[in-house]
């Protein structure tokens, strides 16, 4: 029987994402100015509005809503400058689905992505785990998949971590974490979320 994902494990995930949000905010605000648009009172940087639009929020909230449907899933989300985050937690299954929708008002380059999604960045994300190992990586077009083996409180977990370049100004991050005894469930969810990249060849 699979041991449920512990409360401390959930805290680890959200604490580490809060930590990694700090350097991300520094990157995203590099082109920011302190001025606002006087006519509309909407915060802007040198490239445009920094607040997610209603359409952005609706899009993020729609992700996974037809997949994580049972009452066991608990949803929470935040909207802030340059970013929307959404988490769906299932204590019964021991599963976490975490989404970040990143807004680069000035656009981003491949170098920007490489500087963020690298060994140092993942070490920050998973720093409260006893260990994290990048077991595989692959990409097709604008979608990349990082696979991790994790250990927390002596228990072993697996994570699929997708990075999708939605367009020139938006990057979607989606992470699934499950006990490593539930690989079939991981594949089931992955097939529904990103059927074009369920695993690496």
Foldseek 3Di string as FASTA:
>chain_A
DDDFQDPVNVVLQVVLVVVLVVVVVVVQCVQADPDQDVVVRAGAGPQGGQWDDPVRVVVVVVQCCVPPPDPQWDKDWDTDGQKIKIWIDGRVQNKIKIKIKGFRSVFDDVVRVPVQPDPVNVCSSNVQFPDKDFPDWDDDDFKIWTKIWTHHPNFIKIKIWMWGPPDRTIIMIIMMIGGPVPVVVLLVVLCVRPVVPSDDD
